[in-house]
């Protein structure tokens, strides 16, 4: 009986699921409306205002009136499509490189034993504690003269791709996930004559799809939202990514708020679409640790 009461109280976050009567129903409806207004209100205002002529920058509307594509046409005239293409190139190359580095490093850390492995893990973890502002000057010096190769990557899209190719978060997530894969599967494949590369590609990697979904979404968002790195690398407007271009559009007095909102909507949509495309693997990756535990 006690367990049943506890379950009833946990039907909702506030324990109102089992509360009868119109007062409890009205309270739930009011709470839901407040949550929708807080979380969805700004997004709805952005979506509607991007397709609506905005005359007063202090007032945005939630009701569509006089829908038009003039804001997007003006954004295209401001080379927003060029900035959008630069962002896609950077996020595509950076995410592919990041996944390759993450799965390779994670397999070595999860399955191989070598001297100083704990130190390597500690160094990887420590990079998460350094803010971008501290790394800005050293990173700009390295990109201006890449060690050994002596190549200047300032002013190139490659200078925005290579630094995001290794991310400690992705490496640690993949490492912990690979540790949960039974070693017996690899031993069976090795008895069949498979080498390390074949085991990694045919046995380990297919089992890591949930984790790949997690690092894929987080990696996409991290690279897409980069502001400091493009600011350091881009030496002219033709190399701007969309987040950096929004700053330029915001500071231009000749650009209306509607144009800025249209560009902001274009900057928001890829992250939403990426999550919708990989949400199944993302949810499986988040819940797999809890199920195993």
Protein backbone atom coordinates (compact mmCIF):
# COMPACT_ATOMS: atom_id res chain seq x y z
CA UNK A 1 0.00 0.00 0.00
CA UNK A 2 2.86 2.36 0.83
CA UNK A 3 4.57 1.64 -2.50
CA UNK A 4 1.33 2.32 -4.35
CA UNK A 5 1.01 5.72 -2.69
CA UNK A 6 4.60 6.57 -3.53
CA UNK A 7 4.02 5.63 -7.16
CA UNK A 8 0.90 7.79 -7.26
CA UNK A 9 2.81 10.76 -5.88
CA UNK A 10 5.49 10.31 -8.54
CA UNK A 11 3.07 10.32 -11.48
CA UNK A 12 4.16 13.87 -12.18
CA UNK A 13 7.07 15.96 -11.02
CA UNK A 14 4.86 17.73 -8.46
CA UNK A 15 2.80 14.68 -7.47
CA UNK A 16 -0.41 16.02 -8.99
CA UNK A 17 -1.15 13.02 -11.18
CA UNK A 18 -3.48 11.39 -8.65
CA UNK A 19 -4.99 14.60 -7.26
CA UNK A 20 -8.70 14.74 -8.22
CA UNK A 21 -10.94 17.72 -8.64
CA UNK A 22 -11.15 20.82 -10.85
CA UNK A 23 -8.63 22.77 -8.76
CA UNK A 24 -5.85 20.27 -9.40
CA UNK A 25 -6.80 20.10 -13.10
CA UNK A 26 -6.74 23.89 -13.43
CA UNK A 27 -3.38 24.04 -11.62
CA UNK A 28 -1.90 21.47 -14.02
CA UNK A 29 -3.19 23.32 -17.07
CA UNK A 30 -1.83 26.61 -15.74
CA UNK A 31 1.57 25.04 -15.05
CA UNK A 32 1.73 23.55 -18.55
CA UNK A 33 0.82 26.88 -20.13
CA UNK A 34 3.55 28.64 -18.15
CA UNK A 35 6.12 26.02 -19.20
CA UNK A 36 5.09 26.32 -22.85
CA UNK A 37 5.27 30.11 -22.67
CA UNK A 38 8.73 30.06 -21.07
CA UNK A 39 10.34 27.45 -23.30
CA UNK A 40 8.42 27.66 -26.59
CA UNK A 41 7.47 31.35 -26.54
CA UNK A 42 10.85 32.73 -27.72
CA UNK A 43 11.10 30.07 -30.45
CA UNK A 44 7.59 30.80 -31.70
CA UNK A 45 8.34 34.54 -31.67
CA UNK A 46 11.52 33.91 -33.67
CA UNK A 47 9.70 31.73 -36.20
CA UNK A 48 6.78 34.14 -36.69
CA UNK A 49 8.87 37.32 -36.74
CA UNK A 50 11.25 35.87 -39.33
CA UNK A 51 8.32 35.73 -41.78
CA UNK A 52 6.74 39.02 -40.64
CA UNK A 53 7.77 42.62 -41.35
CA UNK A 54 9.20 43.88 -38.04
CA UNK A 55 8.81 47.64 -37.70
CA UNK A 56 9.29 47.98 -33.95
CA UNK A 57 12.46 46.25 -32.66
CA UNK A 58 11.09 46.30 -29.12
CA UNK A 59 7.95 44.31 -29.95
CA UNK A 60 7.83 40.81 -31.37
CA UNK A 61 4.60 39.03 -32.16
CA UNK A 62 3.35 35.51 -31.65
CA UNK A 63 0.53 35.98 -34.16
CA UNK A 64 1.48 35.75 -37.86
CA UNK A 65 0.39 38.84 -39.79
CA UNK A 66 1.32 39.73 -43.34
CA UNK A 67 3.62 36.76 -43.89
CA UNK A 68 6.40 37.48 -46.33
CA UNK A 69 9.77 36.17 -47.48
CA UNK A 70 11.31 39.62 -47.77
CA UNK A 71 13.42 39.09 -44.65
CA UNK A 72 15.00 35.96 -46.16
CA UNK A 73 15.51 37.70 -49.51
CA UNK A 74 17.31 40.54 -47.76
CA UNK A 75 19.36 38.01 -45.79
CA UNK A 76 20.40 36.32 -49.03
CA UNK A 77 21.48 39.70 -50.40
CA UNK A 78 23.69 40.00 -47.32
CA UNK A 79 25.53 36.77 -48.31
CA UNK A 80 23.91 34.70 -45.57
CA UNK A 81 23.93 31.66 -47.88
CA UNK A 82 27.72 31.95 -48.18
CA UNK A 83 28.06 32.01 -44.41
CA UNK A 84 25.66 29.07 -44.16
CA UNK A 85 27.73 27.08 -46.67
CA UNK A 86 30.91 27.83 -44.71
CA UNK A 87 29.22 26.58 -41.54
CA UNK A 88 28.17 23.34 -43.23
CA UNK A 89 31.70 22.76 -44.55
CA UNK A 90 33.22 23.35 -41.13
CA UNK A 91 30.69 21.24 -39.23
CA UNK A 92 30.83 18.43 -41.81
CA UNK A 93 34.61 18.17 -41.89
CA UNK A 94 35.03 18.85 -38.19
CA UNK A 95 32.40 16.31 -37.09
CA UNK A 96 33.78 13.59 -39.37
CA UNK A 97 37.30 14.19 -38.07
CA UNK A 98 36.06 14.35 -34.49
CA UNK A 99 34.23 11.02 -34.74
CA UNK A 100 37.24 9.32 -36.32
CA UNK A 101 39.58 10.61 -33.61
CA UNK A 102 37.11 9.81 -30.82
CA UNK A 103 36.41 6.20 -31.78
CA UNK A 104 40.09 5.48 -32.46
CA UNK A 105 41.29 7.02 -29.20
CA UNK A 106 38.44 5.43 -27.23
CA UNK A 107 39.24 1.94 -28.57
CA UNK A 108 42.88 2.33 -27.56
CA UNK A 109 41.96 3.62 -24.08
CA UNK A 110 39.23 1.02 -23.50
CA UNK A 111 40.97 -2.09 -24.78
CA UNK A 112 44.72 -1.49 -24.74
CA UNK A 113 46.99 -1.23 -21.72
CA UNK A 114 50.09 0.93 -21.97
CA UNK A 115 52.30 2.87 -19.53
CA UNK A 116 50.93 6.27 -18.62
CA UNK A 117 47.35 5.51 -19.67
CA UNK A 118 45.91 7.15 -16.56
CA UNK A 119 47.99 10.25 -17.23
CA UNK A 120 46.64 10.39 -20.78
CA UNK A 121 43.07 10.19 -19.46
CA UNK A 122 43.82 12.92 -16.96
CA UNK A 123 45.25 15.19 -19.65
CA UNK A 124 42.23 14.59 -21.89
CA UNK A 125 39.88 15.36 -19.02
CA UNK A 126 41.81 18.51 -18.10
CA UNK A 127 41.14 20.03 -21.52
CA UNK A 128 37.45 20.25 -20.60
CA UNK A 129 38.32 22.59 -17.74
CA UNK A 130 40.08 25.19 -19.88
CA UNK A 131 37.85 27.99 -21.20
CA UNK A 132 38.18 29.08 -24.81
CA UNK A 133 39.45 32.52 -23.80
CA UNK A 134 42.59 30.99 -22.24
CA UNK A 135 43.30 28.91 -25.35
CA UNK A 136 42.61 31.72 -27.83
CA UNK A 137 46.10 33.26 -28.02
CA UNK A 138 48.09 29.96 -28.02
CA UNK A 139 45.72 28.50 -30.60
CA UNK A 140 46.06 31.51 -32.89
CA UNK A 141 49.87 31.25 -32.69
CA UNK A 142 49.79 27.55 -33.52
CA UNK A 143 47.41 28.03 -36.45
CA UNK A 144 49.59 30.85 -37.82
CA UNK A 145 52.57 28.47 -37.94
CA UNK A 146 51.63 24.81 -37.54
CA UNK A 147 54.53 22.94 -35.91
CA UNK A 148 56.59 20.62 -38.15
CA UNK A 149 54.52 21.47 -41.25
CA UNK A 150 55.03 25.24 -40.93
CA UNK A 151 51.73 25.96 -42.64
CA UNK A 152 49.62 29.04 -41.99
CA UNK A 153 45.95 28.08 -41.50
CA UNK A 154 44.74 31.58 -40.66
CA UNK A 155 42.16 32.64 -43.21
CA UNK A 156 41.23 29.07 -44.22
CA UNK A 157 38.31 26.84 -43.35
CA UNK A 158 40.80 24.11 -42.48
CA UNK A 159 41.91 26.28 -39.58
CA UNK A 160 38.39 25.98 -38.17
CA UNK A 161 38.09 22.24 -38.83
CA UNK A 162 41.34 20.82 -37.46
CA UNK A 163 41.13 22.30 -33.90
CA UNK A 164 37.69 20.74 -33.32
CA UNK A 165 38.85 17.34 -34.57
CA UNK A 166 39.63 16.17 -31.02
CA UNK A 167 37.10 16.81 -28.25
CA UNK A 168 37.60 15.33 -24.79
CA UNK A 169 33.86 14.90 -24.21
CA UNK A 170 33.44 12.63 -27.24
CA UNK A 171 36.54 10.61 -26.38
CA UNK A 172 35.43 10.03 -22.79
CA UNK A 173 31.87 9.07 -23.80
CA UNK A 174 33.11 6.57 -26.37
CA UNK A 175 35.72 5.19 -23.97
CA UNK A 176 33.20 4.48 -21.22
CA UNK A 177 30.76 2.95 -23.70
CA UNK A 178 33.40 0.66 -25.22
CA UNK A 179 34.40 -0.55 -21.78
CA UNK A 180 30.87 -1.97 -21.40
CA UNK A 181 31.18 -4.12 -24.55
CA UNK A 182 31.95 -7.73 -23.54
CA UNK A 183 35.52 -8.70 -24.24
CA UNK A 184 34.31 -12.22 -25.11
CA UNK A 185 32.93 -10.92 -28.41
CA UNK A 186 36.36 -9.70 -29.46
CA UNK A 187 38.04 -12.88 -28.27
CA UNK A 188 35.63 -14.96 -30.35
CA UNK A 189 36.35 -12.86 -33.42
CA UNK A 190 40.08 -13.14 -32.79
CA UNK A 191 39.78 -16.94 -32.63
CA UNK A 192 38.18 -16.77 -36.07
CA UNK A 193 41.28 -15.06 -37.37
CA UNK A 194 40.15 -11.42 -37.27
CA UNK A 195 42.74 -8.76 -36.58
CA UNK A 196 42.40 -5.65 -34.44
CA UNK A 197 41.21 -3.50 -37.35
CA UNK A 198 38.59 -6.04 -38.43
CA UNK A 199 37.39 -6.49 -34.84
CA UNK A 200 37.14 -2.75 -34.38
CA UNK A 201 35.24 -2.21 -37.64
CA UNK A 202 32.96 -5.27 -37.64
CA UNK A 203 32.39 -6.00 -33.93
CA UNK A 204 33.01 -2.96 -31.74
CA UNK A 205 31.86 -0.10 -33.95
CA UNK A 206 28.38 -1.49 -34.79
CA UNK A 207 27.69 -1.92 -31.07
CA UNK A 208 28.61 1.73 -30.47
CA UNK A 209 25.80 3.23 -32.55
CA UNK A 210 23.97 4.68 -29.51
CA UNK A 211 27.16 6.38 -28.32
CA UNK A 212 27.85 7.60 -31.85
CA UNK A 213 24.42 9.23 -31.81
CA UNK A 214 25.25 11.02 -28.57
CA UNK A 215 28.64 12.34 -29.66
CA UNK A 216 27.24 13.11 -33.10
CA UNK A 217 24.55 15.45 -31.77
CA UNK A 218 26.73 17.07 -29.11
CA UNK A 219 29.62 17.38 -31.56
CA UNK A 220 27.41 18.91 -34.24
CA UNK A 221 26.04 21.47 -31.80
CA UNK A 222 29.46 22.29 -30.40
CA UNK A 223 31.01 22.87 -33.83
CA UNK A 224 27.99 24.65 -35.26
CA UNK A 225 27.89 27.13 -32.37
CA UNK A 226 31.60 27.93 -32.51
CA UNK A 227 32.21 31.66 -32.28
CA UNK A 228 35.68 32.16 -30.83
CA UNK A 229 37.45 29.87 -33.31
CA UNK A 230 36.02 31.46 -36.49
CA UNK A 231 36.74 34.86 -34.96
CA UNK A 232 40.42 33.89 -34.62
CA UNK A 233 40.77 32.22 -38.01
CA UNK A 234 38.62 34.21 -40.44
CA UNK A 235 40.54 37.18 -41.82
CA UNK A 236 37.80 38.36 -44.20
CA UNK A 237 34.01 38.18 -44.40
CA UNK A 238 34.09 35.49 -47.10
CA UNK A 239 35.34 32.98 -44.49
CA UNK A 240 32.75 33.85 -41.83
CA UNK A 241 30.51 31.12 -40.47
CA UNK A 242 26.87 31.90 -39.74
CA UNK A 243 27.23 32.44 -35.93
CA UNK A 244 30.04 34.92 -36.57
CA UNK A 245 28.08 36.61 -39.37
CA UNK A 246 25.15 37.20 -37.00
CA UNK A 247 27.41 39.49 -34.99
CA UNK A 248 28.20 41.45 -38.15
CA UNK A 249 24.55 41.70 -39.13
CA UNK A 250 23.64 42.81 -35.62
CA UNK A 251 26.13 45.67 -35.73
CA UNK A 252 24.99 46.86 -39.18
CA UNK A 253 22.51 49.72 -38.81
CA UNK A 254 21.17 49.15 -42.33
CA UNK A 255 20.03 45.62 -41.49
CA UNK A 256 16.56 45.43 -40.03
CA UNK A 257 15.58 43.21 -37.16
CA UNK A 258 13.52 40.99 -39.46
CA UNK A 259 16.61 40.17 -41.53
CA UNK A 260 18.56 39.38 -38.40
CA UNK A 261 15.78 37.08 -37.17
CA UNK A 262 15.65 35.32 -40.55
CA UNK A 263 19.40 34.67 -40.35
CA UNK A 264 19.01 33.49 -36.75
CA UNK A 265 16.31 31.05 -37.83
CA UNK A 266 18.62 29.66 -40.51
CA UNK A 267 21.29 29.24 -37.82
CA UNK A 268 18.86 27.41 -35.55
CA UNK A 269 17.30 24.97 -38.01
CA UNK A 270 20.36 22.73 -38.69
CA UNK A 271 20.79 21.88 -35.00
CA UNK A 272 17.09 21.02 -34.69
CA UNK A 273 17.17 18.88 -37.84
CA UNK A 274 20.33 17.11 -36.69
CA UNK A 275 18.67 16.21 -33.39
CA UNK A 276 15.52 14.97 -35.13
CA UNK A 277 17.60 12.86 -37.50
CA UNK A 278 19.62 11.22 -34.72
CA UNK A 279 17.20 11.35 -31.81
CA UNK A 280 16.64 7.56 -31.73
CA UNK A 281 20.35 6.80 -31.38
CA UNK A 282 20.69 9.74 -29.00
CA UNK A 283 17.98 8.44 -26.65
CA UNK A 284 19.38 4.90 -26.81
CA UNK A 285 22.81 6.24 -25.94
CA UNK A 286 21.49 8.18 -22.95
CA UNK A 287 19.48 5.27 -21.57
CA UNK A 288 21.96 2.45 -22.23
CA UNK A 289 24.12 3.36 -19.22
CA UNK A 290 21.13 3.44 -16.90
CA UNK A 291 19.87 0.07 -18.18
CA UNK A 292 23.28 -1.54 -17.76
CA UNK A 293 23.62 -0.08 -14.30
